């Protein structure tokens, strides 16, 4: 009975040692990935200062556009907002899932 306990302890120690050895990093960490934030406005057209609309007062969105990416040639595959968002999120045409 005593020998079995020692065998069990030895097996547990070997498993823990193997786990610790496999968890050590072997390569340098890759370059940090960029932080990406996608801002989608609900039922909103290009009536923003960033797109040249003189009547729109949108300083925060304009600053985001200056410091980030502004899409000037974007289009949609569906004229209704919900299927368009679903298509953008899933990467599939709305007709594929009943939209």
PDB file of N, CA and C in Angstrom:
ATOM      1  N   UNK A   1       0.817  -1.193   0.000  1.00  0.00           N
ATOM      2  CA  UNK A   1       0.000   0.000   0.000  1.00  0.00           C
ATOM      3  C   UNK A   1       0.858   1.254   0.000  1.00  0.00           C
ATOM      4  N   UNK A   2       1.934   1.235   0.751  1.00  0.00           N
ATOM      5  CA  UNK A   2       2.806   2.395   0.818  1.00  0.00           C
ATOM      6  C   UNK A   2       3.478   2.624  -0.536  1.00  0.00           C
ATOM      7  N   UNK A   3       3.873   1.550  -1.186  1.00  0.00           N
ATOM      8  CA  UNK A   3       4.532   1.687  -2.477  1.00  0.00           C
ATOM      9  C   UNK A   3       3.603   2.337  -3.510  1.00  0.00           C
ATOM     10  N   UNK A   4       2.322   2.004  -3.469  1.00  0.00           N
ATOM     11  CA  UNK A   4       1.362   2.603  -4.411  1.00  0.00           C
ATOM     12  C   UNK A   4       1.270   4.109  -4.219  1.00  0.00           C
ATOM     13  N   UNK A   5       1.299   4.540  -2.984  1.00  0.00           N
ATOM     14  CA  UNK A   5       1.241   5.980  -2.736  1.00  0.00           C
ATOM     15  C   UNK A   5       2.459   6.682  -3.306  1.00  0.00           C
ATOM     16  N   UNK A   6       3.622   6.057  -3.150  1.00  0.00           N
ATOM     17  CA  UNK A   6       4.833   6.670  -3.697  1.00  0.00           C
ATOM     18  C   UNK A   6       4.777   6.730  -5.219  1.00  0.00           C
ATOM     19  N   UNK A   7       4.219   5.703  -5.840  1.00  0.00           N
ATOM     20  CA  UNK A   7       4.094   5.692  -7.291  1.00  0.00           C
ATOM     21  C   UNK A   7       3.147   6.797  -7.741  1.00  0.00           C
ATOM     22  N   UNK A   8       2.048   6.942  -7.025  1.00  0.00           N
ATOM     23  CA  UNK A   8       1.087   8.007  -7.374  1.00  0.00           C
ATOM     24  C   UNK A   8       1.721   9.384  -7.220  1.00  0.00           C
ATOM     25  N   UNK A   9       2.468   9.588  -6.153  1.00  0.00           N
ATOM     26  CA  UNK A   9       3.140  10.867  -5.946  1.00  0.00           C
ATOM     27  C   UNK A   9       4.178  11.115  -7.041  1.00  0.00           C
ATOM     28  N   UNK A  10       4.895  10.059  -7.440  1.00  0.00           N
ATOM     29  CA  UNK A  10       5.877  10.197  -8.495  1.00  0.00           C
ATOM     30  C   UNK A  10       5.213  10.559  -9.819  1.00  0.00           C
ATOM     31  N   UNK A  11       4.074   9.929 -10.123  1.00  0.00           N
ATOM     32  CA  UNK A  11       3.351  10.236 -11.363  1.00  0.00           C
ATOM     33  C   UNK A  11       2.850  11.676 -11.348  1.00  0.00           C
ATOM     34  N   UNK A  12       2.310  12.109 -10.225  1.00  0.00           N
ATOM     35  CA  UNK A  12       1.824  13.488 -10.115  1.00  0.00           C
ATOM     36  C   UNK A  12       2.976  14.473 -10.280  1.00  0.00           C
ATOM     37  N   UNK A  13       4.119  14.182  -9.674  1.00  0.00           N
ATOM     38  CA  UNK A  13       5.279  15.068  -9.799  1.00  0.00           C
ATOM     39  C   UNK A  13       5.761  15.135 -11.242  1.00  0.00           C
ATOM     40  N   UNK A  14       5.767  14.010 -11.941  1.00  0.00           N
ATOM     41  CA  UNK A  14       6.193  13.995 -13.339  1.00  0.00           C
ATOM     42  C   UNK A  14       5.228  14.782 -14.229  1.00  0.00           C
ATOM     43  N   UNK A  15       3.931  14.645 -13.982  1.00  0.00           N
ATOM     44  CA  UNK A  15       2.943  15.385 -14.762  1.00  0.00           C
ATOM     45  C   UNK A  15       3.099  16.885 -14.518  1.00  0.00           C
ATOM     46  N   UNK A  16       3.289  17.284 -13.275  1.00  0.00           N
ATOM     47  CA  UNK A  16       3.478  18.703 -12.970  1.00  0.00           C
ATOM     48  C   UNK A  16       4.761  19.247 -13.592  1.00  0.00           C
ATOM     49  N   UNK A  17       5.820  18.470 -13.578  1.00  0.00           N
ATOM     50  CA  UNK A  17       7.078  18.904 -14.178  1.00  0.00           C
ATOM     51  C   UNK A  17       6.931  19.035 -15.690  1.00  0.00           C
ATOM     52  N   UNK A  18       6.264  18.085 -16.310  1.00  0.00           N
ATOM     53  CA  UNK A  18       6.064  18.153 -17.764  1.00  0.00           C
ATOM     54  C   UNK A  18       5.201  19.348 -18.135  1.00  0.00           C
ATOM     55  N   UNK A  19       4.198  19.631 -17.334  1.00  0.00           N
ATOM     56  CA  UNK A  19       3.341  20.788 -17.593  1.00  0.00           C
ATOM     57  C   UNK A  19       4.125  22.083 -17.444  1.00  0.00           C
ATOM     58  N   UNK A  20       4.956  22.156 -16.430  1.00  0.00           N
ATOM     59  CA  UNK A  20       5.749  23.371 -16.215  1.00  0.00           C
ATOM     60  C   UNK A  20       6.756  23.569 -17.333  1.00  0.00           C
ATOM     61  N   UNK A  21       7.358  22.505 -17.808  1.00  0.00           N
ATOM     62  CA  UNK A  21       8.331  22.624 -18.889  1.00  0.00           C
ATOM     63  C   UNK A  21       7.679  23.001 -20.211  1.00  0.00           C
ATOM     64  N   UNK A  22       6.485  22.489 -20.452  1.00  0.00           N
ATOM     65  CA  UNK A  22       5.821  22.812 -21.712  1.00  0.00           C
ATOM     66  C   UNK A  22       5.246  24.222 -21.704  1.00  0.00           C
ATOM     67  N   UNK A  23       5.049  24.818 -20.544  1.00  0.00           N
ATOM     68  CA  UNK A  23       4.469  26.155 -20.450  1.00  0.00           C
ATOM     69  C   UNK A  23       5.511  27.254 -20.610  1.00  0.00           C
ATOM     70  N   UNK A  24       6.802  26.908 -20.575  1.00  0.00           N
ATOM     71  CA  UNK A  24       7.821  27.948 -20.706  1.00  0.00           C
ATOM     72  C   UNK A  24       7.877  28.430 -22.145  1.00  0.00           C
ATOM     73  N   UNK A  25       7.989  29.737 -22.354  1.00  0.00           N
ATOM     74  CA  UNK A  25       8.027  30.254 -23.723  1.00  0.00           C
ATOM     75  C   UNK A  25       9.327  29.858 -24.418  1.00  0.00           C
ATOM     76  N   UNK A  26       9.218  29.446 -25.664  1.00  0.00           N
ATOM     77  CA  UNK A  26      10.401  29.052 -26.420  1.00  0.00           C
ATOM     78  C   UNK A  26      10.788  30.117 -27.429  1.00  0.00           C
ATOM     79  N   UNK A  27       9.864  31.002 -27.796  1.00  0.00           N
ATOM     80  CA  UNK A  27      10.151  32.062 -28.747  1.00  0.00           C
ATOM     81  C   UNK A  27       9.797  33.405 -28.115  1.00  0.00           C
ATOM     82  N   UNK A  28      10.351  34.435 -28.696  1.00  0.00           N
ATOM     83  CA  UNK A  28      10.024  35.782 -28.213  1.00  0.00           C
ATOM     84  C   UNK A  28       8.559  36.096 -28.517  1.00  0.00           C
ATOM     85  N   UNK A  29       7.969  36.936 -27.700  1.00  0.00           N
ATOM     86  CA  UNK A  29       6.581  37.322 -27.920  1.00  0.00           C
ATOM     87  C   UNK A  29       6.455  38.047 -29.258  1.00  0.00           C
ATOM     88  N   UNK A  30       5.378  37.773 -30.004  1.00  0.00           N
ATOM     89  CA  UNK A  30       5.202  38.477 -31.277  1.00  0.00           C
ATOM     90  C   UNK A  30       4.909  39.953 -31.042  1.00  0.00           C
ATOM     91  N   UNK A  31       4.982  40.714 -32.105  1.00  0.00           N
ATOM     92  CA  UNK A  31       4.716  42.148 -32.005  1.00  0.00           C
ATOM     93  C   UNK A  31       3.290  42.366 -31.499  1.00  0.00           C
ATOM     94  N   UNK A  32       3.071  43.402 -30.707  1.00  0.00           N
ATOM     95  CA  UNK A  32       1.724  43.643 -30.188  1.00  0.00           C
ATOM     96  C   UNK A  32       0.736  43.924 -31.317  1.00  0.00           C
ATOM     97  N   UNK A  33      -0.455  43.407 -31.154  1.00  0.00           N
ATOM     98  CA  UNK A  33      -1.488  43.608 -32.167  1.00  0.00           C
ATOM     99  C   UNK A  33      -2.160  44.958 -31.950  1.00  0.00           C
ATOM    100  N   UNK A  34      -2.615  45.588 -33.027  1.00  0.00           N
ATOM    101  CA  UNK A  34      -3.245  46.905 -32.871  1.00  0.00           C
ATOM    102  C   UNK A  34      -4.628  46.794 -32.236  1.00  0.00           C
ATOM    103  N   UNK A  35      -5.014  47.835 -31.557  1.00  0.00           N
ATOM    104  CA  UNK A  35      -6.366  47.925 -31.023  1.00  0.00           C
ATOM    105  C   UNK A  35      -7.264  48.479 -32.116  1.00  0.00           C
ATOM    106  N   UNK A  36      -8.339  47.778 -32.420  1.00  0.00           N
ATOM    107  CA  UNK A  36      -9.252  48.207 -33.472  1.00  0.00           C
ATOM    108  C   UNK A  36     -10.631  48.393 -32.876  1.00  0.00           C
ATOM    109  N   UNK A  37     -11.215  49.552 -33.103  1.00  0.00           N
ATOM    110  CA  UNK A  37     -12.574  49.847 -32.659  1.00  0.00           C
ATOM    111  C   UNK A  37     -13.375  50.214 -33.898  1.00  0.00           C
ATOM    112  N   UNK A  38     -14.445  49.487 -34.145  1.00  0.00           N
ATOM    113  CA  UNK A  38     -15.314  49.768 -35.274  1.00  0.00           C
ATOM    114  C   UNK A  38     -16.550  50.471 -34.741  1.00  0.00           C
ATOM    115  N   UNK A  39     -16.752  51.703 -35.177  1.00  0.00           N
ATOM    116  CA  UNK A  39     -17.899  52.485 -34.749  1.00  0.00           C
ATOM    117  C   UNK A  39     -18.929  52.437 -35.865  1.00  0.00           C
ATOM    118  N   UNK A  40     -20.114  51.927 -35.552  1.00  0.00           N
ATOM    119  CA  UNK A  40     -21.190  51.830 -36.530  1.00  0.00           C
ATOM    120  C   UNK A  40     -22.348  52.666 -36.021  1.00  0.00           C
ATOM    121  N   UNK A  41     -22.752  53.655 -36.811  1.00  0.00           N
ATOM    122  CA  UNK A  41     -23.879  54.499 -36.434  1.00  0.00           C
ATOM    123  C   UNK A  41     -25.178  53.914 -36.964  1.00  0.00           C
ATOM    124  N   UNK A  42     -26.188  53.870 -36.133  1.00  0.00           N
ATOM    125  CA  UNK A  42     -27.494  53.315 -36.511  1.00  0.00           C
ATOM    126  C   UNK A  42     -28.215  54.276 -37.444  1.00  0.00           C
ATOM    127  N   UNK A  43     -28.567  53.807 -38.634  1.00  0.00           N
ATOM    128  CA  UNK A  43     -29.322  54.595 -39.623  1.00  0.00           C
ATOM    129  C   UNK A  43     -28.706  55.976 -39.847  1.00  0.00           C
ATOM    130  N   UNK A  44     -27.416  56.011 -40.037  1.00  0.00           N
ATOM    131  CA  UNK A  44     -26.721  57.279 -40.180  1.00  0.00           C
ATOM    132  C   UNK A  44     -26.040  57.323 -41.542  1.00  0.00           C
ATOM    133  N   UNK A  45     -26.243  58.364 -42.260  1.00  0.00           N
ATOM    134  CA  UNK A  45     -25.605  58.547 -43.559  1.00  0.00           C
ATOM    135  C   UNK A  45     -24.307  59.319 -43.408  1.00  0.00           C
ATOM    136  N   UNK A  46     -23.801  59.840 -44.517  1.00  0.00           N
ATOM    137  CA  UNK A  46     -22.533  60.576 -44.477  1.00  0.00           C
ATOM    138  C   UNK A  46     -22.704  62.046 -44.093  1.00  0.00           C
ATOM    139  N   UNK A  47     -23.744  62.383 -43.355  1.00  0.00           N
ATOM    140  CA  UNK A  47     -23.967  63.770 -42.946  1.00  0.00           C
ATOM    141  C   UNK A  47     -23.140  64.075 -41.697  1.00  0.00           C
ATOM    142  N   UNK A  48     -21.842  64.086 -41.875  1.00  0.00           N
ATOM    143  CA  UNK A  48     -20.891  64.351 -40.795  1.00  0.00           C
ATOM    144  C   UNK A  48     -19.873  65.359 -41.286  1.00  0.00           C
ATOM    145  N   UNK A  49     -19.282  66.070 -40.350  1.00  0.00           N
ATOM    146  CA  UNK A  49     -18.240  67.009 -40.717  1.00  0.00           C
ATOM    147  C   UNK A  49     -17.049  66.323 -41.364  1.00  0.00           C
ATOM    148  N   UNK A  50     -16.762  65.104 -40.974  1.00  0.00           N
ATOM    149  CA  UNK A  50     -15.630  64.368 -41.545  1.00  0.00           C
ATOM    150  C   UNK A  50     -15.829  64.093 -43.028  1.00  0.00           C
ATOM    151  N   UNK A  51     -17.079  64.023 -43.467  1.00  0.00           N
ATOM    152  CA  UNK A  51     -17.378  63.783 -44.878  1.00  0.00           C
ATOM    153  C   UNK A  51     -17.693  65.079 -45.627  1.00  0.00           C
ATOM    154  N   UNK A  52     -17.489  66.218 -44.986  1.00  0.00           N
ATOM    155  CA  UNK A  52     -17.634  67.492 -45.665  1.00  0.00           C
ATOM    156  C   UNK A  52     -18.969  68.194 -45.484  1.00  0.00           C
ATOM    157  N   UNK A  53     -19.857  67.688 -44.657  1.00  0.00           N
ATOM    158  CA  UNK A  53     -21.142  68.344 -44.429  1.00  0.00           C
ATOM    159  C   UNK A  53     -20.916  69.581 -43.550  1.00  0.00           C
ATOM    160  N   UNK A  54     -21.273  70.746 -44.062  1.00  0.00           N
ATOM    161  CA  UNK A  54     -21.054  72.002 -43.345  1.00  0.00           C
ATOM    162  C   UNK A  54     -22.062  72.217 -42.214  1.00  0.00           C
ATOM    163  N   UNK A  55     -23.232  71.579 -42.299  1.00  0.00           N
ATOM    164  CA  UNK A  55     -24.271  71.771 -41.291  1.00  0.00           C
ATOM    165  C   UNK A  55     -24.086  70.882 -40.064  1.00  0.00           C
ATOM    166  N   UNK A  56     -23.337  69.822 -40.201  1.00  0.00           N
ATOM    167  CA  UNK A  56     -23.160  68.873 -39.096  1.00  0.00           C
ATOM    168  C   UNK A  56     -22.089  69.372 -38.132  1.00  0.00           C
ATOM    169  N   UNK A  57     -22.403  69.326 -36.862  1.00  0.00           N
ATOM    170  CA  UNK A  57     -21.437  69.678 -35.821  1.00  0.00           C
ATOM    171  C   UNK A  57     -21.132  68.389 -35.061  1.00  0.00           C
ATOM    172  N   UNK A  58     -20.091  67.703 -35.507  1.00  0.00           N
ATOM    173  CA  UNK A  58     -19.735  66.400 -34.937  1.00  0.00           C
ATOM    174  C   UNK A  58     -18.245  66.360 -34.613  1.00  0.00           C
ATOM    175  N   UNK A  59     -17.802  67.131 -33.613  1.00  0.00           N
ATOM    176  CA  UNK A  59     -16.356  67.232 -33.365  1.00  0.00           C
ATOM    177  C   UNK A  59     -15.707  65.920 -32.920  1.00  0.00           C
ATOM    178  N   UNK A  60     -16.405  65.118 -32.134  1.00  0.00           N
ATOM    179  CA  UNK A  60     -15.803  63.874 -31.653  1.00  0.00           C
ATOM    180  C   UNK A  60     -15.647  62.850 -32.772  1.00  0.00           C
ATOM    181  N   UNK A  61     -16.665  62.705 -33.593  1.00  0.00           N
ATOM    182  CA  UNK A  61     -16.572  61.778 -34.723  1.00  0.00           C
ATOM    183  C   UNK A  61     -15.544  62.296 -35.721  1.00  0.00           C
ATOM    184  N   UNK A  62     -15.476  63.602 -35.923  1.00  0.00           N
ATOM    185  CA  UNK A  62     -14.483  64.178 -36.835  1.00  0.00           C
ATOM    186  C   UNK A  62     -13.067  63.887 -36.343  1.00  0.00           C
ATOM    187  N   UNK A  63     -12.864  63.976 -35.044  1.00  0.00           N
ATOM    188  CA  UNK A  63     -11.534  63.684 -34.494  1.00  0.00           C
ATOM    189  C   UNK A  63     -11.192  62.210 -34.670  1.00  0.00           C
ATOM    190  N   UNK A  64     -12.167  61.322 -34.437  1.00  0.00           N
ATOM    191  CA  UNK A  64     -11.938  59.892 -34.682  1.00  0.00           C
ATOM    192  C   UNK A  64     -11.566  59.651 -36.140  1.00  0.00           C
ATOM    193  N   UNK A  65     -12.229  60.346 -37.050  1.00  0.00           N
ATOM    194  CA  UNK A  65     -11.935  60.181 -38.470  1.00  0.00           C
ATOM    195  C   UNK A  65     -10.530  60.685 -38.813  1.00  0.00           C
ATOM    196  N   UNK A  66     -10.113  61.781 -38.196  1.00  0.00           N
ATOM    197  CA  UNK A  66      -8.769  62.316 -38.457  1.00  0.00           C
ATOM    198  C   UNK A  66      -7.681  61.390 -37.926  1.00  0.00           C
ATOM    199  N   UNK A  67      -7.906  60.830 -36.747  1.00  0.00           N
ATOM    200  CA  UNK A  67      -6.881  60.013 -36.103  1.00  0.00           C
ATOM    201  C   UNK A  67      -6.965  58.537 -36.475  1.00  0.00           C
ATOM    202  N   UNK A  68      -8.042  58.135 -37.115  1.00  0.00           N
ATOM    203  CA  UNK A  68      -8.214  56.733 -37.467  1.00  0.00           C
ATOM    204  C   UNK A  68      -8.345  56.543 -38.957  1.00  0.00           C
ATOM    205  N   UNK A  69      -9.321  55.765 -39.341  1.00  0.00           N
ATOM    206  CA  UNK A  69      -9.561  55.490 -40.768  1.00  0.00           C
ATOM    207  C   UNK A  69     -10.938  56.017 -41.143  1.00  0.00           C
ATOM    208  N   UNK A  70     -11.002  56.683 -42.274  1.00  0.00           N
ATOM    209  CA  UNK A  70     -12.253  57.211 -42.796  1.00  0.00           C
ATOM    210  C   UNK A  70     -12.527  56.510 -44.117  1.00  0.00           C
ATOM    211  N   UNK A  71     -13.633  55.819 -44.208  1.00  0.00           N
ATOM    212  CA  UNK A  71     -13.972  55.072 -45.407  1.00  0.00           C
ATOM    213  C   UNK A  71     -14.731  55.980 -46.370  1.00  0.00           C
ATOM    214  N   UNK A  72     -14.125  56.270 -47.495  1.00  0.00           N
ATOM    215  CA  UNK A  72     -14.741  57.167 -48.471  1.00  0.00           C
ATOM    216  C   UNK A  72     -15.340  56.425 -49.656  1.00  0.00           C
ATOM    217  N   UNK A  73     -15.094  55.144 -49.774  1.00  0.00           N
ATOM    218  CA  UNK A  73     -15.638  54.351 -50.885  1.00  0.00           C
ATOM    219  C   UNK A  73     -16.349  53.112 -50.359  1.00  0.00           C
ATOM    220  N   UNK A  74     -17.087  53.259 -49.304  1.00  0.00           N
ATOM    221  CA  UNK A  74     -17.812  52.137 -48.721  1.00  0.00           C
ATOM    222  C   UNK A  74     -19.156  51.970 -49.408  1.00  0.00           C
ATOM    223  N   UNK A  75     -19.653  50.756 -49.430  1.00  0.00           N
ATOM    224  CA  UNK A  75     -20.970  50.480 -49.977  1.00  0.00           C
ATOM    225  C   UNK A  75     -21.596  49.358 -49.173  1.00  0.00           C
ATOM    226  N   UNK A  76     -22.841  49.118 -49.419  1.00  0.00           N
ATOM    227  CA  UNK A  76     -23.545  48.053 -48.725  1.00  0.00           C
ATOM    228  C   UNK A  76     -24.183  47.119 -49.736  1.00  0.00           C
ATOM    229  N   UNK A  77     -24.352  45.897 -49.371  1.00  0.00           N
ATOM    230  CA  UNK A  77     -24.986  44.928 -50.260  1.00  0.00           C
ATOM    231  C   UNK A  77     -26.480  44.818 -50.001  1.00  0.00           C
ATOM    232  N   UNK A  78     -26.982  45.614 -49.074  1.00  0.00           N
ATOM    233  CA  UNK A  78     -28.410  45.592 -48.759  1.00  0.00           C
ATOM    234  C   UNK A  78     -28.810  46.999 -48.331  1.00  0.00           C
ATOM    235  N   UNK A  79     -29.981  47.446 -48.759  1.00  0.00           N
ATOM    236  CA  UNK A  79     -30.405  48.806 -48.452  1.00  0.00           C
ATOM    237  C   UNK A  79     -31.039  48.982 -47.088  1.00  0.00           C
ATOM    238  N   UNK A  80     -31.194  47.933 -46.335  1.00  0.00           N
ATOM    239  CA  UNK A  80     -31.809  47.998 -45.011  1.00  0.00           C
ATOM    240  C   UNK A  80     -30.713  47.790 -43.969  1.00  0.00           C
ATOM    241  N   UNK A  81     -30.798  48.516 -42.851  1.00  0.00           N
ATOM    242  CA  UNK A  81     -29.684  48.539 -41.900  1.00  0.00           C
ATOM    243  C   UNK A  81     -29.428  47.200 -41.210  1.00  0.00           C
ATOM    244  N   UNK A  82     -30.452  46.502 -40.720  1.00  0.00           N
ATOM    245  CA  UNK A  82     -30.214  45.268 -39.966  1.00  0.00           C
ATOM    246  C   UNK A  82     -29.545  44.185 -40.811  1.00  0.00           C
ATOM    247  N   UNK A  83     -30.029  43.881 -42.032  1.00  0.00           N
ATOM    248  CA  UNK A  83     -29.310  42.887 -42.838  1.00  0.00           C
ATOM    249  C   UNK A  83     -27.904  43.347 -43.225  1.00  0.00           C
ATOM    250  N   UNK A  84     -27.710  44.642 -43.398  1.00  0.00           N
ATOM    251  CA  UNK A  84     -26.370  45.139 -43.725  1.00  0.00           C
ATOM    252  C   UNK A  84     -25.404  44.889 -42.574  1.00  0.00           C
ATOM    253  N   UNK A  85     -25.842  45.182 -41.346  1.00  0.00           N
ATOM    254  CA  UNK A  85     -24.986  44.926 -40.184  1.00  0.00           C
ATOM    255  C   UNK A  85     -24.719  43.442 -40.025  1.00  0.00           C
ATOM    256  N   UNK A  86     -25.745  42.622 -40.206  1.00  0.00           N
ATOM    257  CA  UNK A  86     -25.553  41.177 -40.081  1.00  0.00           C
ATOM    258  C   UNK A  86     -24.567  40.671 -41.119  1.00  0.00           C
ATOM    259  N   UNK A  87     -24.663  41.189 -42.342  1.00  0.00           N
ATOM    260  CA  UNK A  87     -23.720  40.789 -43.374  1.00  0.00           C
ATOM    261  C   UNK A  87     -22.301  41.216 -43.059  1.00  0.00           C
ATOM    262  N   UNK A  88     -22.153  42.401 -42.473  1.00  0.00           N
ATOM    263  CA  UNK A  88     -20.824  42.874 -42.116  1.00  0.00           C
ATOM    264  C   UNK A  88     -20.235  42.018 -40.990  1.00  0.00           C
ATOM    265  N   UNK A  89     -21.045  41.643 -40.031  1.00  0.00           N
ATOM    266  CA  UNK A  89     -20.562  40.863 -38.896  1.00  0.00           C
ATOM    267  C   UNK A  89     -20.242  39.431 -39.294  1.00  0.00           C
ATOM    268  N   UNK A  90     -21.104  38.816 -40.107  1.00  0.00           N
ATOM    269  CA  UNK A  90     -20.918  37.405 -40.452  1.00  0.00           C
ATOM    270  C   UNK A  90     -20.081  37.193 -41.697  1.00  0.00           C
ATOM    271  N   UNK A  91     -19.998  38.203 -42.568  1.00  0.00           N
ATOM    272  CA  UNK A  91     -19.275  38.035 -43.820  1.00  0.00           C
ATOM    273  C   UNK A  91     -20.068  37.269 -44.864  1.00  0.00           C
ATOM    274  N   UNK A  92     -21.361  37.144 -44.666  1.00  0.00           N
ATOM    275  CA  UNK A  92     -22.226  36.418 -45.598  1.00  0.00           C
ATOM    276  C   UNK A  92     -23.302  37.356 -46.120  1.00  0.00           C
ATOM    277  N   UNK A  93     -23.815  37.045 -47.305  1.00  0.00           N
ATOM    278  CA  UNK A  93     -24.925  37.819 -47.839  1.00  0.00           C
ATOM    279  C   UNK A  93     -26.173  37.559 -47.019  1.00  0.00           C
ATOM    280  N   UNK A  94     -27.005  38.573 -46.813  1.00  0.00           N
ATOM    281  CA  UNK A  94     -28.216  38.392 -45.994  1.00  0.00           C
ATOM    282  C   UNK A  94     -29.144  37.291 -46.525  1.00  0.00           C
ATOM    283  N   UNK A  95     -29.168  37.063 -47.810  1.00  0.00           N
ATOM    284  CA  UNK A  95     -30.030  36.009 -48.338  1.00  0.00           C
ATOM    285  C   UNK A  95     -29.605  34.610 -47.892  1.00  0.00           C
ATOM    286  N   UNK A  96     -28.357  34.470 -47.479  1.00  0.00           N
ATOM    287  CA  UNK A  96     -27.862  33.155 -47.012  1.00  0.00           C
ATOM    288  C   UNK A  96     -28.482  32.731 -45.696  1.00  0.00           C
ATOM    289  N   UNK A  97     -28.912  33.687 -44.899  1.00  0.00           N
ATOM    290  CA  UNK A  97     -29.494  33.355 -43.592  1.00  0.00           C
ATOM    291  C   UNK A  97     -30.866  33.969 -43.401  1.00  0.00           C
ATOM    292  N   UNK A  98     -31.545  34.292 -44.489  1.00  0.00           N
ATOM    293  CA  UNK A  98     -32.936  34.729 -44.423  1.00  0.00           C
ATOM    294  C   UNK A  98     -33.140  36.207 -44.184  1.00  0.00           C
ATOM    295  N   UNK A  99     -32.110  37.033 -44.356  1.00  0.00           N
ATOM    296  CA  UNK A  99     -32.227  38.473 -44.104  1.00  0.00           C
ATOM    297  C   UNK A  99     -32.840  39.220 -45.247  1.00  0.00           C
TER     298      UNK A  99
END
